[in-house]
C-alpha cells in the first residue's frame, strides 16, 4: 500500500544527495520487507523512513565526491 511513498522518498533522496546536495547516481534501492501499523502508518512516515534509510546506508558506504574532469582552452 505504501510502496509508492517509499519510492518517492528514495527519488527525493537521490535528487539531492546528503554530501553536497547534488544528484546521486549509480545507486539502487531494493525493499525486501515491510510492515505497517493501522494507527501510525501513513504516506509521509514511509517517505521519511525511506529517506532516512537511504541517508544512513549512503553515508555508511563511505561515498566519494567525484569532480568533473575537463579540458579548457582560453584565448585572449
Protein backbone atom coordinates (compact mmCIF):
# COMPACT_ATOMS: atom_id res chain seq x y z
CA UNK A 1 0.00 0.00 0.00
CA UNK A 2 2.88 2.41 0.74
CA UNK A 3 5.33 1.28 -1.94
CA UNK A 4 4.83 4.47 -3.97
CA UNK A 5 5.62 6.60 -0.89
CA UNK A 6 8.84 4.64 -0.31
CA UNK A 7 9.77 5.11 -3.99
CA UNK A 8 9.12 8.87 -3.82
CA UNK A 9 11.25 9.15 -0.68
CA UNK A 10 14.12 7.37 -2.42
CA UNK A 11 13.83 9.56 -5.53
CA UNK A 12 13.78 12.68 -3.33
CA UNK A 13 16.94 11.45 -1.59
CA UNK A 14 18.90 10.85 -4.79
CA UNK A 15 17.85 14.17 -6.30
CA UNK A 16 19.71 16.00 -3.51
CA UNK A 17 22.44 13.85 -2.00
CA UNK A 18 23.42 14.20 1.66
CA UNK A 19 27.04 15.26 1.00
CA UNK A 20 26.81 18.24 -1.34
CA UNK A 21 23.15 18.49 -2.31
CA UNK A 22 23.90 17.31 -5.85
CA UNK A 23 22.16 14.36 -7.54
CA UNK A 24 23.42 10.89 -6.64
CA UNK A 25 23.93 8.40 -9.47
CA UNK A 26 24.80 4.73 -9.67
CA UNK A 27 22.66 3.55 -6.76
CA UNK A 28 19.59 1.37 -6.50
CA UNK A 29 17.05 0.72 -3.80
CA UNK A 30 15.63 -2.72 -3.04
CA UNK A 31 12.85 -3.07 -0.46
CA UNK A 32 12.87 -6.62 0.87
CA UNK A 33 10.37 -6.41 3.71
CA UNK A 34 7.97 -4.03 5.34
CA UNK A 35 5.10 -3.75 7.73
CA UNK A 36 2.51 -1.16 8.56
CA UNK A 37 0.51 -0.25 11.62
CA UNK A 38 -3.12 0.83 11.30
CA UNK A 39 -2.67 3.85 13.59
CA UNK A 40 0.88 5.10 12.96
CA UNK A 41 1.35 4.34 9.25
CA UNK A 42 0.83 7.00 6.60
CA UNK A 43 2.49 8.08 3.37
CA UNK A 44 4.66 10.72 5.00
CA UNK A 45 6.00 8.23 7.57
CA UNK A 46 7.05 5.76 4.87
CA UNK A 47 8.51 8.51 2.69
CA UNK A 48 10.57 9.86 5.59
CA UNK A 49 11.63 6.35 6.57
CA UNK A 50 13.00 5.62 3.09
CA UNK A 51 14.83 8.96 3.05
CA UNK A 52 16.48 8.24 6.39
CA UNK A 53 17.33 4.66 5.35
CA UNK A 54 18.97 5.93 2.17
CA UNK A 55 20.94 8.59 4.05
CA UNK A 56 22.18 6.11 6.66
CA UNK A 57 23.15 3.47 4.08
CA UNK A 58 24.75 6.04 1.77
CA UNK A 59 26.89 7.61 4.50
CA UNK A 60 27.92 4.17 5.85
CA UNK A 61 29.22 3.20 2.40
CA UNK A 62 31.99 5.83 2.51
CA UNK A 63 30.90 7.80 -0.58
CA UNK A 64 33.31 9.93 -2.56
CA UNK A 65 32.66 13.19 -4.36
CA UNK A 66 33.68 12.92 -8.00
CA UNK A 67 34.67 16.20 -9.56
CA UNK A 68 34.29 16.70 -13.29
CA UNK A 69 37.44 16.48 -15.38
CA UNK A 70 37.55 18.69 -18.44
CA UNK A 71 39.96 20.40 -20.75
CA UNK A 72 39.69 24.17 -21.02
CA UNK A 73 41.41 26.33 -23.59
CA UNK A 74 41.38 30.10 -23.11
CA UNK A 75 42.42 32.52 -25.83
CA UNK A 76 42.78 36.23 -25.31
